[in-house]
């Protein structure tokens, strides 16, 4: 068993997704998906995971094939060929939530029966912890890690939290603390462990050569941008007057108010390579001006 705070992921991931009958049906549906068409996607929340997943769905179809999330836990592409089981991290968080997600999955099993491609995503979980589940043993899944610069990642989380507060809402899933930084550090060795690492900042800059290299490494070739995602609480620009361009995404760290405590925490990370030299310069700028 893998335990993180209140989260428990059983070794058999699929057993946590529904009652026995539905679980057996889910197992059978996944077995019908060719191994080369099964993707595990990991990344910290606000890393750009859903944008990349939408991009992968288009590349798998070699055409525009947007994912629609009629239920919070399951995305189905327009063609019906790709199914995304979203944020498996939250399964089993508490019994009520587990039953709710099981009902959603049971309702969409017919779509999964027809799927020829499957994307399963995890959020705020280190790659090594996912590997410990044994899901990718024997090359049964292509593993993808979406990484974003630490400052832009934290800025997006801060902006989303503030937007939720302004709406009188909240979330337990966007903490920016030492545990998060430790998870980011834990993923520094993901590439050497066989994960395909996608740098979201570089991907979102429109670097066509980089994107072609990434697709080639995944056995894909067609580069079609996804629609702007509103899933996973949407972009942190959602509801603002800003229509984000690539430059806005790359300079997200400039567009939020930074708590002094968080800047102090980041300053302690200078001896751990989770930030580039450029980011460290930006951090120094923030500490001088905040």
Protein backbone atom coordinates (compact mmCIF):
# COMPACT_ATOMS: atom_id res chain seq x y z
CA UNK A 1 0.00 0.00 0.00
CA UNK A 2 1.19 3.52 -0.81
CA UNK A 3 0.14 6.05 1.81
CA UNK A 4 0.42 9.83 1.54
CA UNK A 5 -1.35 11.88 4.17
CA UNK A 6 -4.96 10.62 4.04
CA UNK A 7 -4.42 9.21 0.55
CA UNK A 8 -4.02 5.46 0.13
CA UNK A 9 -3.44 3.91 -3.28
CA UNK A 10 -3.65 0.12 -3.28
CA UNK A 11 -1.09 -1.86 -5.23
CA UNK A 12 -3.85 -2.89 -7.65
CA UNK A 13 -4.89 0.55 -8.89
CA UNK A 14 -7.93 -0.72 -10.71
CA UNK A 15 -9.39 -2.39 -7.61
CA UNK A 16 -9.79 1.09 -6.13
CA UNK A 17 -11.86 2.35 -9.04
CA UNK A 18 -15.11 0.46 -8.57
CA UNK A 19 -17.03 -2.48 -7.15
CA UNK A 20 -15.79 -6.00 -8.11
CA UNK A 21 -18.02 -6.46 -11.18
CA UNK A 22 -17.15 -3.04 -12.60
CA UNK A 23 -13.48 -3.55 -11.71
CA UNK A 24 -13.33 -6.78 -13.71
CA UNK A 25 -14.98 -5.01 -16.63
CA UNK A 26 -12.52 -2.14 -16.31
CA UNK A 27 -9.60 -4.58 -16.25
CA UNK A 28 -10.90 -6.24 -19.40
CA UNK A 29 -11.36 -2.88 -21.16
CA UNK A 30 -7.81 -1.83 -20.32
CA UNK A 31 -6.45 -5.17 -21.51
CA UNK A 32 -8.02 -4.43 -24.90
CA UNK A 33 -6.04 -1.18 -25.20
CA UNK A 34 -2.71 -1.89 -26.95
CA UNK A 35 0.27 -1.40 -24.64
CA UNK A 36 1.73 1.28 -26.92
CA UNK A 37 -1.51 3.27 -26.49
CA UNK A 38 -1.51 3.32 -22.67
CA UNK A 39 -0.05 6.45 -21.06
CA UNK A 40 0.64 7.31 -17.43
CA UNK A 41 0.94 11.09 -17.01
CA UNK A 42 2.29 12.61 -13.79
CA UNK A 43 2.91 16.17 -12.67
CA UNK A 44 2.28 18.59 -9.85
CA UNK A 45 -1.04 20.40 -10.01
CA UNK A 46 -0.80 23.53 -12.22
CA UNK A 47 2.13 22.07 -14.17
CA UNK A 48 0.16 22.20 -17.40
CA UNK A 49 -0.83 18.53 -17.17
CA UNK A 50 -4.22 18.93 -18.81
CA UNK A 51 -2.86 20.99 -21.71
CA UNK A 52 -0.29 18.28 -22.41
CA UNK A 53 -2.90 15.52 -22.05
CA UNK A 54 -5.09 17.33 -24.60
CA UNK A 55 -2.06 17.59 -26.89
CA UNK A 56 -1.41 13.86 -26.53
CA UNK A 57 -5.06 13.09 -27.36
CA UNK A 58 -4.74 15.07 -30.60
CA UNK A 59 -1.45 13.37 -31.46
CA UNK A 60 -2.89 9.92 -30.81
CA UNK A 61 -5.79 10.64 -33.20
CA UNK A 62 -3.53 12.59 -35.62
CA UNK A 63 -6.36 15.12 -35.73
CA UNK A 64 -8.19 17.57 -33.46
CA UNK A 65 -9.78 15.27 -30.86
CA UNK A 66 -10.72 17.31 -27.76
CA UNK A 67 -11.47 15.60 -24.46
CA UNK A 68 -14.84 16.29 -22.84
CA UNK A 69 -15.27 15.77 -19.11
CA UNK A 70 -18.93 15.06 -18.60
CA UNK A 71 -17.88 13.56 -15.27
CA UNK A 72 -15.09 14.98 -13.14
CA UNK A 73 -13.06 11.75 -13.24
CA UNK A 74 -13.34 10.69 -16.90
CA UNK A 75 -12.54 12.53 -20.12
CA UNK A 76 -13.70 11.13 -23.46
CA UNK A 77 -12.31 12.39 -26.76
CA UNK A 78 -14.58 13.54 -29.56
CA UNK A 79 -13.70 10.46 -31.62
CA UNK A 80 -14.40 8.18 -28.66
CA UNK A 81 -11.02 6.54 -29.23
CA UNK A 82 -9.23 8.08 -26.21
CA UNK A 83 -10.33 7.95 -22.58
CA UNK A 84 -8.61 9.89 -19.80
CA UNK A 85 -8.97 8.68 -16.19
CA UNK A 86 -8.18 11.94 -14.47
CA UNK A 87 -6.24 12.51 -11.24
CA UNK A 88 -6.28 8.98 -9.87
CA UNK A 89 -4.44 10.51 -6.89
CA UNK A 90 -7.77 11.47 -5.30
CA UNK A 91 -9.26 7.98 -5.43
CA UNK A 92 -9.66 6.61 -1.93
CA UNK A 93 -9.12 10.01 -0.29
CA UNK A 94 -12.18 9.28 1.80
CA UNK A 95 -14.93 6.67 1.45
CA UNK A 96 -17.56 9.10 0.22
CA UNK A 97 -15.26 10.50 -2.45
CA UNK A 98 -14.22 7.00 -3.47
CA UNK A 99 -17.80 5.89 -4.01
CA UNK A 100 -18.54 9.05 -5.97
CA UNK A 101 -15.65 8.44 -8.34
CA UNK A 102 -16.58 4.76 -8.66
CA UNK A 103 -20.08 5.78 -9.79
CA UNK A 104 -18.60 8.12 -12.37
CA UNK A 105 -16.34 5.42 -13.73
CA UNK A 106 -19.16 2.88 -13.84
CA UNK A 107 -21.27 5.36 -15.80
CA UNK A 108 -18.54 5.74 -18.42
CA UNK A 109 -17.52 2.10 -18.75
CA UNK A 110 -19.31 1.76 -22.12
CA UNK A 111 -17.03 4.52 -23.47
CA UNK A 112 -13.99 2.74 -22.08
CA UNK A 113 -15.17 -0.47 -23.76
CA UNK A 114 -14.83 1.34 -27.11
CA UNK A 115 -11.53 3.09 -26.36
CA UNK A 116 -8.36 2.13 -28.19
CA UNK A 117 -6.18 4.57 -26.20
CA UNK A 118 -6.00 5.24 -22.49
CA UNK A 119 -4.43 8.05 -20.46
CA UNK A 120 -4.28 7.72 -16.66
CA UNK A 121 -3.03 10.75 -14.74
CA UNK A 122 -1.64 11.38 -11.26
CA UNK A 123 -1.18 14.78 -9.61
CA UNK A 124 1.13 15.82 -6.75
CA UNK A 125 2.66 12.33 -6.61
CA UNK A 126 6.34 11.56 -7.20
CA UNK A 127 7.18 9.33 -10.14
CA UNK A 128 9.00 6.83 -7.94
CA UNK A 129 5.85 6.37 -5.87
CA UNK A 130 3.86 5.66 -9.02
CA UNK A 131 6.55 3.21 -10.11
CA UNK A 132 6.21 1.46 -6.76
CA UNK A 133 2.62 0.63 -7.68
CA UNK A 134 3.96 -1.71 -10.34
CA UNK A 135 1.68 -0.37 -13.07
CA UNK A 136 4.39 0.18 -15.68
CA UNK A 137 6.19 -3.14 -15.14
CA UNK A 138 7.06 -4.91 -18.37
CA UNK A 139 6.57 -1.78 -20.47
CA UNK A 140 2.79 -1.91 -20.21
CA UNK A 141 2.51 1.90 -20.06
CA UNK A 142 4.37 4.84 -21.57
CA UNK A 143 5.27 7.12 -18.67
CA UNK A 144 5.19 10.93 -19.04
CA UNK A 145 6.17 13.55 -16.46
CA UNK A 146 5.06 17.15 -17.05
CA UNK A 147 7.41 19.59 -15.34
CA UNK A 148 7.12 23.36 -15.03
CA UNK A 149 9.52 25.92 -13.64
CA UNK A 150 9.09 26.09 -9.87
CA UNK A 151 8.31 29.81 -9.81
CA UNK A 152 5.68 29.56 -12.55
CA UNK A 153 4.17 26.46 -10.95
CA UNK A 154 3.86 28.11 -7.54
CA UNK A 155 2.58 31.35 -9.07
CA UNK A 156 -0.18 29.45 -10.86
CA UNK A 157 -1.16 27.69 -7.64
CA UNK A 158 -1.22 30.99 -5.75
CA UNK A 159 -3.32 32.66 -8.45
CA UNK A 160 -5.83 29.82 -8.50
CA UNK A 161 -6.16 29.80 -4.72
CA UNK A 162 -6.82 33.55 -4.72
CA UNK A 163 -9.42 33.16 -7.48
CA UNK A 164 -11.22 30.50 -5.45
CA UNK A 165 -11.11 32.64 -2.31
CA UNK A 166 -12.62 35.54 -4.26
CA UNK A 167 -15.49 33.19 -5.17
CA UNK A 168 -15.95 32.17 -1.55
CA UNK A 169 -14.52 28.73 -2.28
CA UNK A 170 -11.41 26.82 -1.26
CA UNK A 171 -9.40 23.70 -2.04
CA UNK A 172 -7.13 21.39 -0.02
CA UNK A 173 -5.12 20.46 -3.11
CA UNK A 174 -3.01 23.53 -3.92
CA UNK A 175 -0.69 23.85 -0.94
CA UNK A 176 2.70 25.38 -1.72
CA UNK A 177 4.88 24.12 1.10
CA UNK A 178 7.96 22.07 1.95
CA UNK A 179 6.20 18.81 1.06
CA UNK A 180 5.54 20.07 -2.45
CA UNK A 181 9.15 21.17 -2.90
CA UNK A 182 10.33 17.78 -1.67
CA UNK A 183 8.12 16.06 -4.26
CA UNK A 184 9.53 18.29 -7.00
CA UNK A 185 13.05 17.38 -5.86
CA UNK A 186 12.09 13.72 -5.83
CA UNK A 187 11.28 13.91 -9.54
CA UNK A 188 14.75 15.19 -10.52
CA UNK A 189 15.77 11.60 -11.32
CA UNK A 190 12.59 10.68 -13.23
CA UNK A 191 14.27 10.72 -16.65
CA UNK A 192 16.95 8.27 -15.55
CA UNK A 193 14.16 6.00 -14.26
CA UNK A 194 12.61 5.81 -17.73
CA UNK A 195 10.06 8.63 -17.60
CA UNK A 196 9.59 10.87 -20.65
CA UNK A 197 9.94 14.38 -19.20
CA UNK A 198 8.07 17.24 -20.88
CA UNK A 199 9.22 20.75 -19.96
CA UNK A 200 5.93 22.67 -20.01
CA UNK A 201 7.62 26.08 -20.22
CA UNK A 202 9.53 25.03 -23.32
CA UNK A 203 6.52 23.17 -24.74
CA UNK A 204 4.23 26.19 -24.30
CA UNK A 205 6.78 28.52 -25.93
CA UNK A 206 5.97 26.93 -29.28
CA UNK A 207 9.42 25.40 -29.78
CA UNK A 208 8.47 23.18 -32.73
CA UNK A 209 11.76 21.27 -32.76
CA UNK A 210 11.44 20.43 -29.07
CA UNK A 211 7.83 19.36 -29.47
CA UNK A 212 8.76 17.13 -32.43
CA UNK A 213 11.50 15.50 -30.34
CA UNK A 214 9.04 14.87 -27.49
CA UNK A 215 6.46 13.34 -29.83
CA UNK A 216 9.09 11.19 -31.50
CA UNK A 217 10.17 9.85 -28.12
CA UNK A 218 6.56 8.82 -27.48
CA UNK A 219 6.13 7.16 -30.85
CA UNK A 220 3.92 10.01 -32.11
CA UNK A 221 4.38 12.66 -34.78
CA UNK A 222 1.39 15.00 -35.24
CA UNK A 223 1.69 18.30 -33.33
CA UNK A 224 -1.75 19.90 -32.84
CA UNK A 225 -2.31 22.36 -30.02
CA UNK A 226 -5.17 21.48 -27.65
CA UNK A 227 -8.06 23.79 -26.90
CA UNK A 228 -7.55 25.95 -23.80
CA UNK A 229 -8.45 23.67 -20.92
CA UNK A 230 -11.05 24.57 -18.34
CA UNK A 231 -10.74 21.24 -16.57
CA UNK A 232 -9.07 20.82 -13.19
CA UNK A 233 -10.49 24.20 -12.10
CA UNK A 234 -9.33 25.74 -15.36
CA UNK A 235 -6.39 27.95 -16.12
CA UNK A 236 -5.31 30.31 -13.37
CA UNK A 237 -6.07 33.06 -15.91
CA UNK A 238 -9.71 31.92 -16.10
CA UNK A 239 -12.06 34.75 -15.20
CA UNK A 240 -9.39 37.42 -15.53
CA UNK A 241 -9.13 40.07 -18.21
CA UNK A 242 -5.94 38.42 -19.51
CA UNK A 243 -6.05 36.12 -22.53
CA UNK A 244 -2.77 34.32 -21.87
CA UNK A 245 -0.10 34.16 -24.52
CA UNK A 246 3.02 32.02 -24.28
CA UNK A 247 4.87 34.98 -22.74
CA UNK A 248 2.25 35.20 -19.97
CA UNK A 249 2.71 31.54 -19.12
CA UNK A 250 6.50 31.89 -19.08
CA UNK A 251 6.39 34.96 -16.82
CA UNK A 252 3.56 33.80 -14.56
CA UNK A 253 5.81 34.42 -11.57
CA UNK A 254 5.63 38.18 -12.23
CA UNK A 255 1.84 38.33 -12.10
CA UNK A 256 1.02 37.32 -8.51
CA UNK A 257 1.61 38.64 -5.01
CA UNK A 258 4.12 36.44 -3.23
CA UNK A 259 3.86 35.71 0.52
CA UNK A 260 7.13 36.49 2.31
CA UNK A 261 7.08 33.07 4.01
CA UNK A 262 7.02 31.28 0.66
CA UNK A 263 9.87 33.38 -0.72
CA UNK A 264 11.89 32.60 2.41
CA UNK A 265 11.16 28.90 1.96
CA UNK A 266 12.32 29.03 -1.65
CA UNK A 267 15.52 30.81 -0.64
CA UNK A 268 16.44 27.74 1.41
CA UNK A 269 16.33 25.64 -1.79
CA UNK A 270 19.46 27.19 -3.31
CA UNK A 271 21.51 24.09 -2.53
CA UNK A 272 19.01 21.73 -4.15
CA UNK A 273 18.76 21.92 -7.97
CA UNK A 274 15.00 22.35 -8.30
CA UNK A 275 15.44 25.85 -9.78
CA UNK A 276 17.62 27.05 -12.64
CA UNK A 277 20.11 29.88 -12.27
CA UNK A 278 17.66 32.13 -14.10
CA UNK A 279 14.93 31.24 -11.61
CA UNK A 280 17.26 31.94 -8.72
CA UNK A 281 17.90 35.39 -10.22
CA UNK A 282 14.14 35.93 -10.48
CA UNK A 283 13.76 34.80 -6.87
CA UNK A 284 16.33 37.37 -5.78
CA UNK A 285 14.40 40.04 -7.69
CA UNK A 286 11.16 39.02 -5.97
CA UNK A 287 12.73 39.12 -2.51
CA UNK A 288 14.09 42.61 -3.15
CA UNK A 289 10.75 43.99 -4.36
CA UNK A 290 8.18 42.18 -2.18
